[in-house]
Amino acid sequence: MPSVGTYVKAITAGAALCIGGPALVWYVTPTEEEIFKKYNPDLQKRALATREQRQQDFDAFVCQLKEASKSDKPIWVVQKEMEKKRAEENAQRLRDERDALAAEAERRRAEIRSSAK
């Protein structure tokens, strides 16, 4: 039968692994600022220029996930339905714009014909 000292050693080693491992990873992982400082100046400028747009895209993505998670269906099914609906709305918007441009072009043709007479 193992002695009490063996149990103490095993518990100490387990605690060192469970606490020391994540602590080591946390210690050696660079922060976002440190990574950003290592970029070359062109990448820093581009990252700063697109930061707001990326943040807006992320916020929109999170809002979509929240909306999709309200359903009882799996999230990937709901996202596909949302994408399909968005594509249909875009197609309808494009058709409406095309029809408006065609109507404007026809109005201009009629105006030109009436002014030519």
PDB file of N, CA and C in Angstrom:
ATOM      1  N   MET A   1       0.845  -1.177   0.000  1.00  0.00           N
ATOM      2  CA  MET A   1       0.000   0.000   0.000  1.00  0.00           C
ATOM      3  C   MET A   1       0.891   1.240   0.000  1.00  0.00           C
ATOM      4  N   PRO A   2       0.549   2.213  -0.865  1.00  0.00           N
ATOM      5  CA  PRO A   2       1.374   3.426  -0.929  1.00  0.00           C
ATOM      6  C   PRO A   2       1.287   4.226   0.365  1.00  0.00           C
ATOM      7  N   SER A   3       2.360   4.896   0.643  1.00  0.00           N
ATOM      8  CA  SER A   3       2.403   5.680   1.871  1.00  0.00           C
ATOM      9  C   SER A   3       1.741   7.038   1.651  1.00  0.00           C
ATOM     10  N   VAL A   4       1.546   7.758   2.744  1.00  0.00           N
ATOM     11  CA  VAL A   4       0.948   9.078   2.699  1.00  0.00           C
ATOM     12  C   VAL A   4       1.819  10.026   1.879  1.00  0.00           C
ATOM     13  N   GLY A   5       3.114   9.866   1.958  1.00  0.00           N
ATOM     14  CA  GLY A   5       4.042  10.713   1.207  1.00  0.00           C
ATOM     15  C   GLY A   5       3.836  10.587  -0.293  1.00  0.00           C
ATOM     16  N   THR A   6       3.508   9.391  -0.768  1.00  0.00           N
ATOM     17  CA  THR A   6       3.253   9.179  -2.196  1.00  0.00           C
ATOM     18  C   THR A   6       2.010   9.947  -2.630  1.00  0.00           C
ATOM     19  N   TYR A   7       0.964   9.920  -1.795  1.00  0.00           N
ATOM     20  CA  TYR A   7      -0.249  10.667  -2.109  1.00  0.00           C
ATOM     21  C   TYR A   7       0.021  12.167  -2.129  1.00  0.00           C
ATOM     22  N   VAL A   8       0.787  12.635  -1.198  1.00  0.00           N
ATOM     23  CA  VAL A   8       1.127  14.064  -1.140  1.00  0.00           C
ATOM     24  C   VAL A   8       1.906  14.466  -2.388  1.00  0.00           C
ATOM     25  N   LYS A   9       2.861  13.634  -2.786  1.00  0.00           N
ATOM     26  CA  LYS A   9       3.635  13.916  -3.999  1.00  0.00           C
ATOM     27  C   LYS A   9       2.731  13.939  -5.231  1.00  0.00           C
ATOM     28  N   ALA A  10       1.820  12.977  -5.332  1.00  0.00           N
ATOM     29  CA  ALA A  10       0.923  12.905  -6.484  1.00  0.00           C
ATOM     30  C   ALA A  10       0.003  14.119  -6.529  1.00  0.00           C
ATOM     31  N   ILE A  11      -0.553  14.493  -5.397  1.00  0.00           N
ATOM     32  CA  ILE A  11      -1.442  15.667  -5.347  1.00  0.00           C
ATOM     33  C   ILE A  11      -0.662  16.939  -5.667  1.00  0.00           C
ATOM     34  N   THR A  12       0.552  17.053  -5.152  1.00  0.00           N
ATOM     35  CA  THR A  12       1.396  18.224  -5.429  1.00  0.00           C
ATOM     36  C   THR A  12       1.738  18.299  -6.918  1.00  0.00           C
ATOM     37  N   ALA A  13       2.099  17.160  -7.505  1.00  0.00           N
ATOM     38  CA  ALA A  13       2.431  17.145  -8.932  1.00  0.00           C
ATOM     39  C   ALA A  13       1.197  17.481  -9.771  1.00  0.00           C
ATOM     40  N   GLY A  14       0.032  16.941  -9.420  1.00  0.00           N
ATOM     41  CA  GLY A  14      -1.208  17.247 -10.145  1.00  0.00           C
ATOM     42  C   GLY A  14      -1.562  18.711 -10.050  1.00  0.00           C
ATOM     43  N   ALA A  15      -1.429  19.285  -8.858  1.00  0.00           N
ATOM     44  CA  ALA A  15      -1.721  20.710  -8.680  1.00  0.00           C
ATOM     45  C   ALA A  15      -0.745  21.561  -9.478  1.00  0.00           C
ATOM     46  N   ALA A  16       0.521  21.159  -9.500  1.00  0.00           N
ATOM     47  CA  ALA A  16       1.521  21.912 -10.277  1.00  0.00           C
ATOM     48  C   ALA A  16       1.181  21.888 -11.763  1.00  0.00           C
ATOM     49  N   LEU A  17       0.725  20.735 -12.254  1.00  0.00           N
ATOM     50  CA  LEU A  17       0.355  20.641 -13.673  1.00  0.00           C
ATOM     51  C   LEU A  17      -0.924  21.435 -13.977  1.00  0.00           C
ATOM     52  N   CYS A  18      -1.926  21.295 -13.107  1.00  0.00           N
ATOM     53  CA  CYS A  18      -3.214  21.953 -13.354  1.00  0.00           C
ATOM     54  C   CYS A  18      -3.128  23.473 -13.199  1.00  0.00           C
ATOM     55  N   ILE A  19      -2.280  23.939 -12.330  1.00  0.00           N
ATOM     56  CA  ILE A  19      -2.152  25.382 -12.119  1.00  0.00           C
ATOM     57  C   ILE A  19      -0.985  25.948 -12.925  1.00  0.00           C
ATOM     58  N   GLY A  20       0.127  25.238 -12.931  1.00  0.00           N
ATOM     59  CA  GLY A  20       1.324  25.738 -13.599  1.00  0.00           C
ATOM     60  C   GLY A  20       1.217  25.763 -15.110  1.00  0.00           C
ATOM     61  N   GLY A  21       0.524  24.778 -15.701  1.00  0.00           N
ATOM     62  CA  GLY A  21       0.390  24.739 -17.167  1.00  0.00           C
ATOM     63  C   GLY A  21      -0.320  25.966 -17.716  1.00  0.00           C
ATOM     64  N   PRO A  22      -1.552  26.219 -17.261  1.00  0.00           N
ATOM     65  CA  PRO A  22      -2.245  27.424 -17.735  1.00  0.00           C
ATOM     66  C   PRO A  22      -1.509  28.713 -17.373  1.00  0.00           C
ATOM     67  N   ALA A  23      -0.857  28.735 -16.200  1.00  0.00           N
ATOM     68  CA  ALA A  23      -0.106  29.932 -15.810  1.00  0.00           C
ATOM     69  C   ALA A  23       1.062  30.169 -16.768  1.00  0.00           C
ATOM     70  N   LEU A  24       1.715  29.098 -17.188  1.00  0.00           N
ATOM     71  CA  LEU A  24       2.817  29.232 -18.144  1.00  0.00           C
ATOM     72  C   LEU A  24       2.303  29.734 -19.491  1.00  0.00           C
ATOM     73  N   VAL A  25       1.199  29.186 -19.945  1.00  0.00           N
ATOM     74  CA  VAL A  25       0.617  29.649 -21.220  1.00  0.00           C
ATOM     75  C   VAL A  25       0.238  31.116 -21.117  1.00  0.00           C
ATOM     76  N   TRP A  26      -0.379  31.517 -20.008  1.00  0.00           N
ATOM     77  CA  TRP A  26      -0.780  32.914 -19.825  1.00  0.00           C
ATOM     78  C   TRP A  26       0.458  33.821 -19.813  1.00  0.00           C
ATOM     79  N   TYR A  27       1.546  33.351 -19.219  1.00  0.00           N
ATOM     80  CA  TYR A  27       2.769  34.145 -19.106  1.00  0.00           C
ATOM     81  C   TYR A  27       3.446  34.333 -20.461  1.00  0.00           C
ATOM     82  N   VAL A  28       3.480  33.305 -21.301  1.00  0.00           N
ATOM     83  CA  VAL A  28       4.214  33.400 -22.564  1.00  0.00           C
ATOM     84  C   VAL A  28       3.375  33.915 -23.725  1.00  0.00           C
ATOM     85  N   THR A  29       2.048  34.012 -23.578  1.00  0.00           N
ATOM     86  CA  THR A  29       1.199  34.502 -24.656  1.00  0.00           C
ATOM     87  C   THR A  29       1.291  36.023 -24.732  1.00  0.00           C
ATOM     88  N   PRO A  30       1.624  36.568 -25.911  1.00  0.00           N
ATOM     89  CA  PRO A  30       1.722  38.031 -26.028  1.00  0.00           C
ATOM     90  C   PRO A  30       0.344  38.685 -26.024  1.00  0.00           C
ATOM     91  N   THR A  31       0.293  39.913 -25.578  1.00  0.00           N
ATOM     92  CA  THR A  31      -0.953  40.671 -25.592  1.00  0.00           C
ATOM     93  C   THR A  31      -1.184  41.213 -26.998  1.00  0.00           C
ATOM     94  N   GLU A  32      -2.387  41.720 -27.239  1.00  0.00           N
ATOM     95  CA  GLU A  32      -2.695  42.288 -28.551  1.00  0.00           C
ATOM     96  C   GLU A  32      -1.790  43.480 -28.868  1.00  0.00           C
ATOM     97  N   GLU A  33      -1.483  44.277 -27.861  1.00  0.00           N
ATOM     98  CA  GLU A  33      -0.621  45.442 -28.083  1.00  0.00           C
ATOM     99  C   GLU A  33       0.782  45.005 -28.495  1.00  0.00           C
ATOM    100  N   GLU A  34       1.302  43.963 -27.850  1.00  0.00           N
ATOM    101  CA  GLU A  34       2.640  43.481 -28.197  1.00  0.00           C
ATOM    102  C   GLU A  34       2.677  42.948 -29.629  1.00  0.00           C
ATOM    103  N   ILE A  35       1.629  42.246 -30.011  1.00  0.00           N
ATOM    104  CA  ILE A  35       1.561  41.739 -31.390  1.00  0.00           C
ATOM    105  C   ILE A  35       1.478  42.903 -32.363  1.00  0.00           C
ATOM    106  N   PHE A  36       0.637  43.896 -32.035  1.00  0.00           N
ATOM    107  CA  PHE A  36       0.463  45.052 -32.921  1.00  0.00           C
ATOM    108  C   PHE A  36       1.773  45.814 -33.091  1.00  0.00           C
ATOM    109  N   LYS A  37       2.553  45.942 -32.020  1.00  0.00           N
ATOM    110  CA  LYS A  37       3.829  46.666 -32.099  1.00  0.00           C
ATOM    111  C   LYS A  37       4.837  45.952 -32.998  1.00  0.00           C
ATOM    112  N   LYS A  38       4.675  44.648 -33.169  1.00  0.00           N
ATOM    113  CA  LYS A  38       5.595  43.892 -34.015  1.00  0.00           C
ATOM    114  C   LYS A  38       5.224  43.966 -35.494  1.00  0.00           C
ATOM    115  N   TYR A  39       4.042  44.504 -35.812  1.00  0.00           N
ATOM    116  CA  TYR A  39       3.662  44.701 -37.215  1.00  0.00           C
ATOM    117  C   TYR A  39       4.611  45.708 -37.850  1.00  0.00           C
ATOM    118  N   ASN A  40       4.764  45.607 -39.169  1.00  0.00           N
ATOM    119  CA  ASN A  40       5.503  46.668 -39.837  1.00  0.00           C
ATOM    120  C   ASN A  40       4.583  47.881 -39.948  1.00  0.00           C
ATOM    121  N   PRO A  41       5.121  49.068 -40.188  1.00  0.00           N
ATOM    122  CA  PRO A  41       4.300  50.290 -40.182  1.00  0.00           C
ATOM    123  C   PRO A  41       3.131  50.264 -41.164  1.00  0.00           C
ATOM    124  N   ASP A  42       3.309  49.640 -42.333  1.00  0.00           N
ATOM    125  CA  ASP A  42       2.208  49.581 -43.295  1.00  0.00           C
ATOM    126  C   ASP A  42       1.049  48.762 -42.752  1.00  0.00           C
ATOM    127  N   LEU A  43       1.360  47.623 -42.134  1.00  0.00           N
ATOM    128  CA  LEU A  43       0.303  46.798 -41.554  1.00  0.00           C
ATOM    129  C   LEU A  43      -0.375  47.506 -40.391  1.00  0.00           C
ATOM    130  N   GLN A  44       0.392  48.263 -39.616  1.00  0.00           N
ATOM    131  CA  GLN A  44      -0.212  49.002 -38.510  1.00  0.00           C
ATOM    132  C   GLN A  44      -1.209  50.029 -39.039  1.00  0.00           C
ATOM    133  N   LYS A  45      -0.817  50.759 -40.084  1.00  0.00           N
ATOM    134  CA  LYS A  45      -1.718  51.762 -40.660  1.00  0.00           C
ATOM    135  C   LYS A  45      -2.974  51.105 -41.202  1.00  0.00           C
ATOM    136  N   ARG A  46      -2.798  49.987 -41.915  1.00  0.00           N
ATOM    137  CA  ARG A  46      -3.954  49.309 -42.500  1.00  0.00           C
ATOM    138  C   ARG A  46      -4.862  48.744 -41.410  1.00  0.00           C
ATOM    139  N   ALA A  47      -4.268  48.217 -40.351  1.00  0.00           N
ATOM    140  CA  ALA A  47      -5.062  47.678 -39.244  1.00  0.00           C
ATOM    141  C   ALA A  47      -5.847  48.789 -38.552  1.00  0.00           C
ATOM    142  N   LEU A  48      -5.209  49.932 -38.366  1.00  0.00           N
ATOM    143  CA  LEU A  48      -5.908  51.062 -37.749  1.00  0.00           C
ATOM    144  C   LEU A  48      -7.016  51.592 -38.651  1.00  0.00           C
ATOM    145  N   ALA A  49      -6.773  51.601 -39.963  1.00  0.00           N
ATOM    146  CA  ALA A  49      -7.769  52.118 -40.899  1.00  0.00           C
ATOM    147  C   ALA A  49      -8.995  51.214 -40.975  1.00  0.00           C
ATOM    148  N   THR A  50      -8.797  49.918 -40.835  1.00  0.00           N
ATOM    149  CA  THR A  50      -9.926  48.988 -40.973  1.00  0.00           C
ATOM    150  C   THR A  50     -10.483  48.524 -39.631  1.00  0.00           C
ATOM    151  N   ARG A  51      -9.979  49.051 -38.543  1.00  0.00           N
ATOM    152  CA  ARG A  51     -10.414  48.605 -37.214  1.00  0.00           C
ATOM    153  C   ARG A  51     -11.907  48.825 -37.004  1.00  0.00           C
ATOM    154  N   GLU A  52     -12.400  50.005 -37.342  1.00  0.00           N
ATOM    155  CA  GLU A  52     -13.810  50.319 -37.106  1.00  0.00           C
ATOM    156  C   GLU A  52     -14.720  49.415 -37.945  1.00  0.00           C
ATOM    157  N   GLN A  53     -14.344  49.203 -39.209  1.00  0.00           N
ATOM    158  CA  GLN A  53     -15.150  48.343 -40.077  1.00  0.00           C
ATOM    159  C   GLN A  53     -15.163  46.906 -39.559  1.00  0.00           C
ATOM    160  N   ARG A  54     -14.016  46.410 -39.125  1.00  0.00           N
ATOM    161  CA  ARG A  54     -13.956  45.047 -38.582  1.00  0.00           C
ATOM    162  C   ARG A  54     -14.798  44.940 -37.323  1.00  0.00           C
ATOM    163  N   GLN A  55     -14.783  45.976 -36.502  1.00  0.00           N
ATOM    164  CA  GLN A  55     -15.585  45.972 -35.280  1.00  0.00           C
ATOM    165  C   GLN A  55     -17.068  45.955 -35.614  1.00  0.00           C
ATOM    166  N   GLN A  56     -17.473  46.743 -36.610  1.00  0.00           N
ATOM    167  CA  GLN A  56     -18.876  46.748 -37.027  1.00  0.00           C
ATOM    168  C   GLN A  56     -19.281  45.392 -37.592  1.00  0.00           C
ATOM    169  N   ASP A  57     -18.402  44.780 -38.391  1.00  0.00           N
ATOM    170  CA  ASP A  57     -18.691  43.459 -38.940  1.00  0.00           C
ATOM    171  C   ASP A  57     -18.854  42.437 -37.821  1.00  0.00           C
ATOM    172  N   PHE A  58     -17.976  42.507 -36.835  1.00  0.00           N
ATOM    173  CA  PHE A  58     -18.061  41.580 -35.708  1.00  0.00           C
ATOM    174  C   PHE A  58     -19.348  41.791 -34.920  1.00  0.00           C
ATOM    175  N   ASP A  59     -19.701  43.057 -34.677  1.00  0.00           N
ATOM    176  CA  ASP A  59     -20.935  43.347 -33.953  1.00  0.00           C
ATOM    177  C   ASP A  59     -22.155  42.825 -34.713  1.00  0.00           C
ATOM    178  N   ALA A  60     -22.152  43.005 -36.034  1.00  0.00           N
ATOM    179  CA  ALA A  60     -23.260  42.495 -36.847  1.00  0.00           C
ATOM    180  C   ALA A  60     -23.316  40.977 -36.775  1.00  0.00           C
ATOM    181  N   PHE A  61     -22.153  40.332 -36.815  1.00  0.00           N
ATOM    182  CA  PHE A  61     -22.097  38.869 -36.719  1.00  0.00           C
ATOM    183  C   PHE A  61     -22.651  38.386 -35.384  1.00  0.00           C
ATOM    184  N   VAL A  62     -22.270  39.058 -34.293  1.00  0.00           N
ATOM    185  CA  VAL A  62     -22.751  38.672 -32.972  1.00  0.00           C
ATOM    186  C   VAL A  62     -24.265  38.879 -32.885  1.00  0.00           C
ATOM    187  N   CYS A  63     -24.759  39.969 -33.447  1.00  0.00           N
ATOM    188  CA  CYS A  63     -26.208  40.206 -33.447  1.00  0.00           C
ATOM    189  C   CYS A  63     -26.928  39.112 -34.231  1.00  0.00           C
ATOM    190  N   GLN A  64     -26.358  38.692 -35.360  1.00  0.00           N
ATOM    191  CA  GLN A  64     -26.959  37.605 -36.135  1.00  0.00           C
ATOM    192  C   GLN A  64     -26.970  36.312 -35.325  1.00  0.00           C
ATOM    193  N   LEU A  65     -25.879  36.031 -34.620  1.00  0.00           N
ATOM    194  CA  LEU A  65     -25.828  34.823 -33.792  1.00  0.00           C
ATOM    195  C   LEU A  65     -26.869  34.880 -32.682  1.00  0.00           C
ATOM    196  N   LYS A  66     -27.027  36.039 -32.061  1.00  0.00           N
ATOM    197  CA  LYS A  66     -28.028  36.174 -31.006  1.00  0.00           C
ATOM    198  C   LYS A  66     -29.423  35.953 -31.569  1.00  0.00           C
ATOM    199  N   GLU A  67     -29.686  36.515 -32.749  1.00  0.00           N
ATOM    200  CA  GLU A  67     -30.988  36.354 -33.385  1.00  0.00           C
ATOM    201  C   GLU A  67     -31.227  34.886 -33.751  1.00  0.00           C
ATOM    202  N   ALA A  68     -30.202  34.235 -34.277  1.00  0.00           N
ATOM    203  CA  ALA A  68     -30.335  32.835 -34.676  1.00  0.00           C
ATOM    204  C   ALA A  68     -30.484  31.923 -33.467  1.00  0.00           C
ATOM    205  N   SER A  69     -29.896  32.289 -32.349  1.00  0.00           N
ATOM    206  CA  SER A  69     -29.964  31.431 -31.171  1.00  0.00           C
ATOM    207  C   SER A  69     -31.335  31.463 -30.502  1.00  0.00           C
ATOM    208  N   LYS A  70     -32.185  32.407 -30.879  1.00  0.00           N
ATOM    209  CA  LYS A  70     -33.528  32.489 -30.296  1.00  0.00           C
ATOM    210  C   LYS A  70     -34.433  31.382 -30.824  1.00  0.00           C
ATOM    211  N   SER A  71     -34.076  30.798 -31.940  1.00  0.00           N
ATOM    212  CA  SER A  71     -34.889  29.758 -32.551  1.00  0.00           C
ATOM    213  C   SER A  71     -34.623  28.407 -31.892  1.00  0.00           C
ATOM    214  N   ASP A  72     -35.588  27.497 -32.043  1.00  0.00           N
ATOM    215  CA  ASP A  72     -35.414  26.143 -31.526  1.00  0.00           C
ATOM    216  C   ASP A  72     -34.605  25.276 -32.485  1.00  0.00           C
ATOM    217  N   LYS A  73     -34.417  25.755 -33.707  1.00  0.00           N
ATOM    218  CA  LYS A  73     -33.674  25.004 -34.717  1.00  0.00           C
ATOM    219  C   LYS A  73     -32.178  25.120 -34.454  1.00  0.00           C
ATOM    220  N   PRO A  74     -31.386  24.199 -35.032  1.00  0.00           N
ATOM    221  CA  PRO A  74     -29.924  24.344 -34.929  1.00  0.00           C
ATOM    222  C   PRO A  74     -29.477  25.654 -35.567  1.00  0.00           C
ATOM    223  N   ILE A  75     -28.439  26.234 -35.018  1.00  0.00           N
ATOM    224  CA  ILE A  75     -28.014  27.569 -35.439  1.00  0.00           C
ATOM    225  C   ILE A  75     -27.583  27.603 -36.902  1.00  0.00           C
ATOM    226  N   TRP A  76     -26.975  26.512 -37.406  1.00  0.00           N
ATOM    227  CA  TRP A  76     -26.524  26.515 -38.793  1.00  0.00           C
ATOM    228  C   TRP A  76     -27.707  26.493 -39.746  1.00  0.00           C
ATOM    229  N   VAL A  77     -28.824  25.880 -39.355  1.00  0.00           N
ATOM    230  CA  VAL A  77     -30.023  25.873 -40.198  1.00  0.00           C
ATOM    231  C   VAL A  77     -30.613  27.282 -40.245  1.00  0.00           C
ATOM    232  N   VAL A  78     -30.688  27.909 -39.085  1.00  0.00           N
ATOM    233  CA  VAL A  78     -31.239  29.262 -39.010  1.00  0.00           C
ATOM    234  C   VAL A  78     -30.372  30.232 -39.806  1.00  0.00           C
ATOM    235  N   GLN A  79     -29.037  30.077 -39.727  1.00  0.00           N
ATOM    236  CA  GLN A  79     -28.151  30.968 -40.479  1.00  0.00           C
ATOM    237  C   GLN A  79     -28.345  30.784 -41.980  1.00  0.00           C
ATOM    238  N   LYS A  80     -28.522  29.541 -42.435  1.00  0.00           N
ATOM    239  CA  LYS A  80     -28.762  29.308 -43.859  1.00  0.00           C
ATOM    240  C   LYS A  80     -30.066  29.965 -44.290  1.00  0.00           C
ATOM    241  N   GLU A  81     -31.104  29.863 -43.448  1.00  0.00           N
ATOM    242  CA  GLU A  81     -32.377  30.512 -43.754  1.00  0.00           C
ATOM    243  C   GLU A  81     -32.216  32.027 -43.810  1.00  0.00           C
ATOM    244  N   MET A  82     -31.440  32.577 -42.871  1.00  0.00           N
ATOM    245  CA  MET A  82     -31.213  34.023 -42.859  1.00  0.00           C
ATOM    246  C   MET A  82     -30.445  34.456 -44.107  1.00  0.00           C
ATOM    247  N   GLU A  83     -29.437  33.666 -44.509  1.00  0.00           N
ATOM    248  CA  GLU A  83     -28.671  33.982 -45.715  1.00  0.00           C
ATOM    249  C   GLU A  83     -29.568  33.945 -46.952  1.00  0.00           C
ATOM    250  N   LYS A  84     -30.443  32.939 -47.018  1.00  0.00           N
ATOM    251  CA  LYS A  84     -31.359  32.815 -48.150  1.00  0.00           C
ATOM    252  C   LYS A  84     -32.307  34.013 -48.196  1.00  0.00           C
ATOM    253  N   LYS A  85     -32.834  34.392 -47.038  1.00  0.00           N
ATOM    254  CA  LYS A  85     -33.735  35.546 -46.965  1.00  0.00           C
ATOM    255  C   LYS A  85     -33.008  36.823 -47.376  1.00  0.00           C
ATOM    256  N   ARG A  86     -31.761  36.984 -46.904  1.00  0.00           N
ATOM    257  CA  ARG A  86     -30.970  38.169 -47.245  1.00  0.00           C
ATOM    258  C   ARG A  86     -30.683  38.220 -48.745  1.00  0.00           C
ATOM    259  N   ALA A  87     -30.389  37.051 -49.339  1.00  0.00           N
ATOM    260  CA  ALA A  87     -30.132  36.996 -50.777  1.00  0.00           C
ATOM    261  C   ALA A  87     -31.386  37.361 -51.560  1.00  0.00           C
ATOM    262  N   GLU A  88     -32.547  36.892 -51.102  1.00  0.00           N
ATOM    263  CA  GLU A  88     -33.805  37.247 -51.768  1.00  0.00           C
ATOM    264  C   GLU A  88     -34.080  38.740 -51.658  1.00  0.00           C
ATOM    265  N   GLU A  89     -33.816  39.311 -50.485  1.00  0.00           N
ATOM    266  CA  GLU A  89     -34.021  40.755 -50.307  1.00  0.00           C
ATOM    267  C   GLU A  89     -33.086  41.552 -51.212  1.00  0.00           C
ATOM    268  N   ASN A  90     -31.826  41.110 -51.317  1.00  0.00           N
ATOM    269  CA  ASN A  90     -30.874  41.792 -52.208  1.00  0.00           C
ATOM    270  C   ASN A  90     -31.315  41.688 -53.659  1.00  0.00           C
ATOM    271  N   ALA A  91     -31.794  40.513 -54.044  1.00  0.00           N
ATOM    272  CA  ALA A  91     -32.264  40.340 -55.418  1.00  0.00           C
ATOM    273  C   ALA A  91     -33.464  41.244 -55.684  1.00  0.00           C
ATOM    274  N   GLN A  92     -34.376  41.335 -54.728  1.00  0.00           N
ATOM    275  CA  GLN A  92     -35.543  42.210 -54.898  1.00  0.00           C
ATOM    276  C   GLN A  92     -35.111  43.668 -54.983  1.00  0.00           C
ATOM    277  N   ARG A  93     -34.163  44.054 -54.141  1.00  0.00           N
ATOM    278  CA  ARG A  93     -33.663  45.435 -54.176  1.00  0.00           C
ATOM    279  C   ARG A  93     -33.033  45.748 -55.524  1.00  0.00           C
ATOM    280  N   LEU A  94     -32.251  44.796 -56.060  1.00  0.00           N
ATOM    281  CA  LEU A  94     -31.632  44.997 -57.376  1.00  0.00           C
ATOM    282  C   LEU A  94     -32.688  45.094 -58.471  1.00  0.00           C
ATOM    283  N   ARG A  95     -33.735  44.258 -58.383  1.00  0.00           N
ATOM    284  CA  ARG A  95     -34.821  44.345 -59.370  1.00  0.00           C
ATOM    285  C   ARG A  95     -35.512  45.695 -59.286  1.00  0.00           C
ATOM    286  N   ASP A  96     -35.762  46.174 -58.068  1.00  0.00           N
ATOM    287  CA  ASP A  96     -36.405  47.475 -57.897  1.00  0.00           C
ATOM    288  C   ASP A  96     -35.542  48.594 -58.468  1.00  0.00           C
ATOM    289  N   GLU A  97     -34.224  48.539 -58.206  1.00  0.00           N
ATOM    290  CA  GLU A  97     -33.322  49.557 -58.753  1.00  0.00           C
ATOM    291  C   GLU A  97     -33.306  49.506 -60.277  1.00  0.00           C
ATOM    292  N   ARG A  98     -33.267  48.291 -60.823  1.00  0.00           N
ATOM    293  CA  ARG A  98     -33.266  48.139 -62.278  1.00  0.00           C
ATOM    294  C   ARG A  98     -34.553  48.686 -62.875  1.00  0.00           C
ATOM    295  N   ASP A  99     -35.693  48.391 -62.240  1.00  0.00           N
ATOM    296  CA  ASP A  99     -36.969  48.899 -62.729  1.00  0.00           C
ATOM    297  C   ASP A  99     -37.025  50.424 -62.644  1.00  0.00           C
ATOM    298  N   ALA A 100     -36.481  50.981 -61.563  1.00  0.00           N
ATOM    299  CA  ALA A 100     -36.469  52.439 -61.418  1.00  0.00           C
ATOM    300  C   ALA A 100     -35.589  53.072 -62.493  1.00  0.00           C
ATOM    301  N   LEU A 101     -34.432  52.464 -62.760  1.00  0.00           N
ATOM    302  CA  LEU A 101     -33.566  52.988 -63.824  1.00  0.00           C
ATOM    303  C   LEU A 101     -34.231  52.875 -65.187  1.00  0.00           C
ATOM    304  N   ALA A 102     -34.922  51.787 -65.429  1.00  0.00           N
ATOM    305  CA  ALA A 102     -35.615  51.617 -66.708  1.00  0.00           C
ATOM    306  C   ALA A 102     -36.731  52.642 -66.846  1.00  0.00           C
ATOM    307  N   ALA A 103     -37.460  52.892 -65.762  1.00  0.00           N
ATOM    308  CA  ALA A 103     -38.525  53.886 -65.804  1.00  0.00           C
ATOM    309  C   ALA A 103     -37.953  55.279 -66.045  1.00  0.00           C
ATOM    310  N   GLU A 104     -36.836  55.572 -65.408  1.00  0.00           N
ATOM    311  CA  GLU A 104     -36.179  56.873 -65.612  1.00  0.00           C
ATOM    312  C   GLU A 104     -35.698  57.020 -67.052  1.00  0.00           C
ATOM    313  N   ALA A 105     -35.114  55.949 -67.589  1.00  0.00           N
ATOM    314  CA  ALA A 105     -34.646  55.995 -68.977  1.00  0.00           C
ATOM    315  C   ALA A 105     -35.812  56.178 -69.933  1.00  0.00           C
ATOM    316  N   GLU A 106     -36.917  55.488 -69.669  1.00  0.00           N
ATOM    317  CA  GLU A 106     -38.102  55.636 -70.527  1.00  0.00           C
ATOM    318  C   GLU A 106     -38.670  57.043 -70.421  1.00  0.00           C
ATOM    319  N   ARG A 107     -38.682  57.617 -69.229  1.00  0.00           N
ATOM    320  CA  ARG A 107     -39.165  58.991 -69.042  1.00  0.00           C
ATOM    321  C   ARG A 107     -38.301  59.965 -69.829  1.00  0.00           C
ATOM    322  N   ARG A 108     -36.975  59.760 -69.770  1.00  0.00           N
ATOM    323  CA  ARG A 108     -36.077  60.647 -70.521  1.00  0.00           C
ATOM    324  C   ARG A 108     -36.288  60.504 -72.023  1.00  0.00           C
ATOM    325  N   ARG A 109     -36.474  59.259 -72.488  1.00  0.00           N
ATOM    326  CA  ARG A 109     -36.744  59.058 -73.936  1.00  0.00           C
ATOM    327  C   ARG A 109     -38.013  59.777 -74.358  1.00  0.00           C
ATOM    328  N   ALA A 110     -39.057  59.657 -73.512  1.00  0.00           N
ATOM    329  CA  ALA A 110     -40.325  60.313 -73.839  1.00  0.00           C
ATOM    330  C   ALA A 110     -40.135  61.826 -73.838  1.00  0.00           C
ATOM    331  N   GLU A 111     -39.349  62.323 -72.904  1.00  0.00           N
ATOM    332  CA  GLU A 111     -39.087  63.773 -72.827  1.00  0.00           C
ATOM    333  C   GLU A 111     -38.328  64.243 -74.057  1.00  0.00           C
ATOM    334  N   ILE A 112     -37.354  63.455 -74.484  1.00  0.00           N
ATOM    335  CA  ILE A 112     -36.569  63.816 -75.672  1.00  0.00           C
ATOM    336  C   ILE A 112     -37.459  63.768 -76.908  1.00  0.00           C
ATOM    337  N   ARG A 113     -38.303  62.747 -77.030  1.00  0.00           N
ATOM    338  CA  ARG A 113     -39.206  62.639 -78.178  1.00  0.00           C
ATOM    339  C   ARG A 113     -40.170  63.815 -78.234  1.00  0.00           C
ATOM    340  N   SER A 114     -40.719  64.197 -77.045  1.00  0.00           N
ATOM    341  CA  SER A 114     -41.667  65.292 -77.019  1.00  0.00           C
ATOM    342  C   SER A 114     -40.983  66.637 -77.313  1.00  0.00           C
ATOM    343  N   SER A 115     -39.727  66.786 -76.928  1.00  0.00           N
ATOM    344  CA  SER A 115     -39.038  68.043 -77.191  1.00  0.00           C
ATOM    345  C   SER A 115     -38.562  68.112 -78.652  1.00  0.00           C
ATOM    346  N   ALA A 116     -38.397  66.966 -79.302  1.00  0.00           N
ATOM    347  CA  ALA A 116     -37.928  66.953 -80.685  1.00  0.00           C
ATOM    348  C   ALA A 116     -39.050  67.309 -81.650  1.00  0.00           C
ATOM    349  N   LYS A 117     -40.284  67.174 -81.279  1.00  0.00           N
ATOM    350  CA  LYS A 117     -41.411  67.449 -82.169  1.00  0.00           C
ATOM    351  C   LYS A 117     -41.706  68.883 -82.329  1.00  0.00           C
TER     352      LYS A 117
END
